[in-house]
Amino acid sequence: MLDEHSDAWHRPLRHIAAGDLSADTGQTPGMARSEAISSSTVGSQRLWMGRTTVGPGATSGNHHHGESETAIYVVSGHPVFVFARDGEEIRLTPEPGDYVFVPPYTPHREENPGGEEAVVVIARSSQEAIVVNLPGGLIG
């Protein structure tokens, strides 16, 4: 007979196929977010994970992710991450295989000046994709 704690040790792993990601998540103009791991997809309690794509020549709207920390892994393409420091816009230009950390409440946007789609995997410290879209123009 199983005791009351054994179920926590025997919960099933979940496989989410690339084609099964959900677009039913927070969105920002100029990019497309797809949700893989969340409370609604797999019942996660402290984690959100998904994929973001930015088309060639596209720029997302300015936004932040509230209290969530965000980790980004660049899969392909050449995305540019723009944020403000001391009143000046700073541009990070990671390559495929690189990582970017976005602190909570930090306004930023993604740009893709290249000729191919930019694809990144994102993980957040909450089980929901908090997206707060901000007015256009300079970040600051």
Protein backbone atom coordinates (compact mmCIF):
# COMPACT_ATOMS: atom_id res chain seq x y z
CA MET A 1 0.00 0.00 0.00
CA LEU A 2 1.27 3.51 -0.87
CA ASP A 3 1.62 6.13 1.83
CA GLU A 4 0.36 9.70 1.41
CA HIS A 5 3.71 10.99 0.06
CA SER A 6 4.37 8.35 -2.58
CA ASP A 7 2.21 10.02 -5.27
CA ALA A 8 4.48 13.07 -5.25
CA TRP A 9 7.35 10.75 -6.21
CA HIS A 10 5.45 9.06 -9.01
CA ARG A 11 3.82 11.83 -10.98
CA PRO A 12 4.29 11.37 -14.73
CA LEU A 13 6.70 13.36 -16.86
CA ARG A 14 5.02 15.37 -19.61
CA HIS A 15 6.13 15.59 -23.25
CA ILE A 16 5.05 18.68 -25.17
CA ALA A 17 5.75 18.31 -28.88
CA ALA A 18 6.92 21.39 -30.80
CA GLY A 19 3.68 21.36 -32.78
CA ASP A 20 1.56 21.34 -29.61
CA LEU A 21 2.66 24.70 -28.20
CA SER A 22 -0.17 27.10 -27.42
CA ALA A 23 -0.45 30.70 -28.63
CA ASP A 24 -3.01 31.30 -25.85
CA THR A 25 -0.60 33.39 -23.79
CA GLY A 26 0.41 37.03 -23.35
CA GLN A 27 1.44 38.62 -26.67
CA THR A 28 3.31 41.74 -27.73
CA PRO A 29 2.98 43.29 -31.20
CA GLY A 30 5.85 42.36 -33.53
CA MET A 31 6.57 38.95 -32.02
CA ALA A 32 4.83 35.63 -31.40
CA ARG A 33 4.96 33.80 -28.05
CA SER A 34 4.07 30.13 -27.73
CA GLU A 35 3.52 28.45 -24.38
CA ALA A 36 4.90 24.99 -23.62
CA ILE A 37 5.18 24.63 -19.84
CA SER A 38 2.66 26.45 -17.64
CA SER A 39 -0.07 25.90 -15.11
CA SER A 40 -2.62 25.57 -17.91
CA THR A 41 -0.60 23.18 -20.11
CA VAL A 42 1.02 20.81 -17.59
CA GLY A 43 0.00 22.07 -14.14
CA SER A 44 3.35 23.64 -13.26
CA GLN A 45 3.29 25.68 -10.07
CA ARG A 46 6.40 27.88 -10.25
CA LEU A 47 7.64 27.83 -13.84
CA TRP A 48 6.63 29.08 -17.26
CA MET A 49 8.53 28.12 -20.43
CA GLY A 50 7.91 28.74 -24.08
CA ARG A 51 9.23 29.96 -27.41
CA THR A 52 9.26 33.40 -28.99
CA THR A 53 9.79 34.21 -32.65
CA VAL A 54 10.51 37.59 -34.25
CA GLY A 55 10.32 37.74 -38.04
CA PRO A 56 13.00 39.21 -40.30
CA GLY A 57 13.14 42.99 -40.00
CA ALA A 58 10.51 43.05 -37.22
CA THR A 59 10.57 44.93 -33.92
CA SER A 60 8.42 44.07 -30.92
CA GLY A 61 6.59 46.61 -28.86
CA ASN A 62 8.12 47.79 -25.60
CA HIS A 63 7.09 45.58 -22.68
CA HIS A 64 8.13 44.05 -19.34
CA HIS A 65 7.27 40.87 -17.47
CA GLY A 66 6.17 42.19 -14.09
CA GLU A 67 7.62 40.37 -11.10
CA SER A 68 8.93 37.48 -13.21
CA GLU A 69 12.58 36.90 -13.89
CA THR A 70 13.07 35.83 -17.50
CA ALA A 71 15.84 33.66 -18.92
CA ILE A 72 16.31 33.56 -22.68
CA TYR A 73 18.23 31.04 -24.80
CA VAL A 74 18.89 32.04 -28.42
CA VAL A 75 18.11 29.08 -30.68
CA SER A 76 18.55 30.67 -34.11
CA GLY A 77 18.75 34.00 -35.88
CA HIS A 78 20.23 37.20 -34.52
CA PRO A 79 17.80 38.90 -32.14
CA VAL A 80 18.68 42.20 -30.52
CA PHE A 81 17.46 42.98 -27.00
CA VAL A 82 17.03 46.69 -26.24
CA PHE A 83 16.72 48.23 -22.77
CA ALA A 84 17.57 51.58 -21.11
CA ARG A 85 20.43 52.40 -18.77
CA ASP A 86 21.04 55.94 -17.50
CA GLY A 87 18.61 57.33 -20.08
CA GLU A 88 20.36 55.66 -23.02
CA GLU A 89 19.16 52.69 -25.06
CA ILE A 90 21.51 49.71 -24.77
CA ARG A 91 21.50 46.92 -27.38
CA LEU A 92 22.49 43.34 -26.58
CA THR A 93 23.34 41.21 -29.64
CA PRO A 94 23.55 37.57 -28.56
CA GLU A 95 24.39 34.78 -30.98
CA PRO A 96 22.72 31.34 -31.21
CA GLY A 97 23.70 29.38 -28.11
CA ASP A 98 23.92 32.52 -25.93
CA TYR A 99 21.70 33.40 -22.98
CA VAL A 100 20.10 36.68 -21.82
CA PHE A 101 18.67 37.48 -18.37
CA VAL A 102 15.83 40.01 -18.02
CA PRO A 103 15.25 41.24 -14.43
CA PRO A 104 11.71 41.82 -13.13
CA TYR A 105 9.94 44.99 -14.30
CA THR A 106 12.70 45.90 -16.78
CA PRO A 107 11.22 47.53 -19.91
CA HIS A 108 12.71 46.12 -23.11
CA ARG A 109 11.95 45.11 -26.68
CA GLU A 110 13.23 42.59 -29.20
CA GLU A 111 14.39 43.49 -32.68
CA ASN A 112 15.42 41.31 -35.59
CA PRO A 113 17.48 43.24 -38.13
CA GLY A 114 18.51 40.00 -39.89
CA GLY A 115 17.04 38.24 -42.88
CA GLU A 116 15.98 35.09 -41.01
CA GLU A 117 13.48 34.49 -38.24
CA ALA A 118 14.91 34.81 -34.71
CA VAL A 119 13.83 32.00 -32.37
CA VAL A 120 14.43 31.99 -28.61
CA VAL A 121 13.36 29.74 -25.74
CA ILE A 122 12.18 31.61 -22.65
CA ALA A 123 11.72 30.52 -19.06
CA ARG A 124 10.07 32.59 -16.35
CA SER A 125 9.96 32.34 -12.58
CA SER A 126 6.16 32.22 -12.56
CA GLN A 127 3.74 29.73 -14.02
CA GLU A 128 2.13 32.38 -16.20
CA ALA A 129 3.48 34.54 -18.97
CA ILE A 130 3.23 38.00 -17.44
CA VAL A 131 3.33 40.51 -20.28
CA VAL A 132 2.83 44.24 -19.70
CA ASN A 133 2.84 46.07 -23.03
CA LEU A 134 4.07 49.65 -22.83
CA PRO A 135 3.60 52.72 -25.08
CA GLY A 136 5.84 52.92 -28.15
CA GLY A 137 8.87 55.10 -28.56
CA LEU A 138 12.13 55.04 -26.67
CA ILE A 139 12.52 52.85 -23.62
CA GLY A 140 13.45 54.84 -20.58
